[in-house]
Protein backbone atom coordinates (compact mmCIF):
# COMPACT_ATOMS: atom_id res chain seq x y z
CA MET A 1 23.21 16.80 -56.37
CA ASP A 2 23.73 14.10 -53.76
CA LEU A 3 26.86 11.96 -53.91
CA LEU A 4 26.96 8.33 -52.85
CA LYS A 5 30.38 7.01 -51.85
CA ILE A 6 31.25 3.75 -53.58
CA CYS A 7 34.82 3.13 -52.37
CA ASP A 8 38.21 4.58 -51.57
CA LEU A 9 40.66 4.71 -54.47
CA GLU A 10 42.96 2.24 -52.72
CA ILE A 11 40.38 -0.56 -53.18
CA ALA A 12 39.12 0.55 -56.61
CA PRO A 13 39.80 -1.79 -59.54
CA SER A 14 43.25 -1.56 -61.12
CA LEU A 15 43.80 -0.70 -64.79
CA GLY A 16 41.76 -2.90 -67.12
CA ASN A 17 39.83 -4.51 -64.30
CA LEU A 18 36.40 -4.35 -62.72
CA LYS A 19 34.99 -4.77 -59.24
CA GLN A 20 31.51 -5.00 -57.78
CA PHE A 21 30.42 -2.91 -54.79
CA LYS A 22 27.25 -2.93 -52.72
CA VAL A 23 26.16 0.31 -51.08
CA GLY A 24 22.89 -0.12 -49.20
CA ILE A 25 20.61 -1.95 -51.64
CA LEU A 26 22.49 -0.68 -54.70
CA GLU A 27 24.87 -3.06 -56.50
CA VAL A 28 27.25 -1.35 -58.91
CA LEU A 29 30.19 -2.33 -61.05
CA VAL A 30 33.21 -0.03 -61.21
CA VAL A 31 35.47 -0.45 -64.24
CA ASN A 32 38.92 1.08 -64.74
CA ILE A 33 39.70 1.75 -68.40
CA GLU A 34 43.05 3.43 -68.98
CA GLY A 35 42.85 5.11 -65.57
CA GLU A 36 39.32 6.43 -66.05
CA PHE A 37 36.54 4.97 -63.92
CA PHE A 38 33.10 4.02 -65.18
CA CYS A 39 30.17 2.74 -63.13
CA THR A 40 27.25 0.59 -64.29
CA SER A 41 24.64 -1.65 -62.76
CA ALA A 42 26.29 -4.83 -61.47
CA ARG A 43 23.77 -7.31 -62.87
CA CYS A 44 22.98 -8.20 -66.46
CA PRO A 45 19.46 -7.07 -67.38
CA HIS A 46 18.84 -10.39 -69.18
CA ALA A 47 17.48 -13.66 -67.73
CA GLY A 48 18.08 -13.66 -64.02
CA GLY A 49 20.68 -10.97 -63.59
CA ALA A 50 24.10 -12.56 -63.97
CA PRO A 51 26.82 -10.96 -61.81
CA LEU A 52 28.77 -8.92 -64.36
CA ALA A 53 31.83 -8.83 -62.09
CA GLU A 54 32.33 -12.46 -63.18
CA GLY A 55 32.28 -11.45 -66.85
CA THR A 56 35.21 -10.63 -69.09
CA LEU A 57 36.41 -7.17 -70.05
CA LYS A 58 38.24 -6.47 -73.31
CA GLY A 59 38.85 -2.78 -73.85
CA THR A 60 35.47 -1.15 -73.22
CA VAL A 61 33.44 -4.31 -73.95
CA LEU A 62 32.06 -6.35 -71.05
CA THR A 63 30.79 -9.86 -71.78
CA CYS A 64 28.18 -11.39 -69.48
CA PRO A 65 29.34 -14.68 -67.90
CA TRP A 66 26.02 -16.49 -68.39
CA HIS A 67 24.74 -15.86 -71.92
CA GLU A 68 27.57 -13.81 -73.43
CA ALA A 69 25.60 -10.62 -74.00
CA GLN A 70 28.01 -7.75 -74.55
CA PHE A 71 27.86 -4.18 -73.30
CA ARG A 72 29.99 -1.06 -73.77
CA VAL A 73 30.82 0.02 -70.22
CA THR A 74 31.37 3.66 -71.14
CA ASP A 75 27.68 4.19 -71.90
CA GLY A 76 25.95 0.87 -71.03
CA GLN A 77 24.94 0.20 -74.65
CA VAL A 78 24.05 -3.39 -75.61
CA LEU A 79 26.45 -4.48 -78.35
CA ARG A 80 25.31 -8.10 -78.68
CA GLY A 81 22.28 -9.97 -77.39
CA PRO A 82 20.57 -11.86 -76.02
CA ALA A 83 20.20 -8.85 -73.69
CA SER A 84 17.98 -6.15 -75.13
CA GLU A 85 18.20 -3.56 -72.34
CA ASN A 86 21.20 -1.31 -71.78
CA LEU A 87 23.04 -1.26 -68.47
CA LEU A 88 22.31 1.60 -66.11
CA VAL A 89 25.25 4.00 -66.08
CA TYR A 90 26.13 6.27 -63.16
CA LYS A 91 28.17 9.45 -63.34
CA ILE A 92 31.43 9.00 -61.44
CA ILE A 93 33.05 11.73 -59.41
CA VAL A 94 36.51 11.20 -57.92
CA LYS A 95 37.36 13.46 -54.99
CA ASP A 96 39.13 13.24 -51.66
CA ASN A 97 40.74 9.91 -52.73
CA SER A 98 37.30 8.29 -53.09
CA ILE A 99 34.91 7.31 -55.86
CA PHE A 100 31.36 8.65 -55.70
CA ILE A 101 28.34 8.42 -57.98
CA GLU A 102 25.56 10.92 -58.37
CA ALA A 103 22.50 9.66 -56.54
């Protein structure tokens, strides 16, 4: 298992917030829900790839800023269209005061 460092905890999103990171060519979104981190693809899979970091987060539901598709960030599941594809979800590992994903 290879780990890819996303960020240090000091710059990770605070409770109830999200933040986009770019590592190499990979763009990911890190979300902090009640102190637990989740990581998904940073772009909406529908119509041009809206930057999800500009969307709104209510609980575990992320709403796309362009066409209001909704996703559950804990598993990437589409909850409301127009998107029909789920978000990619990455397994997060927190160690040594940093956030990593399995690559």
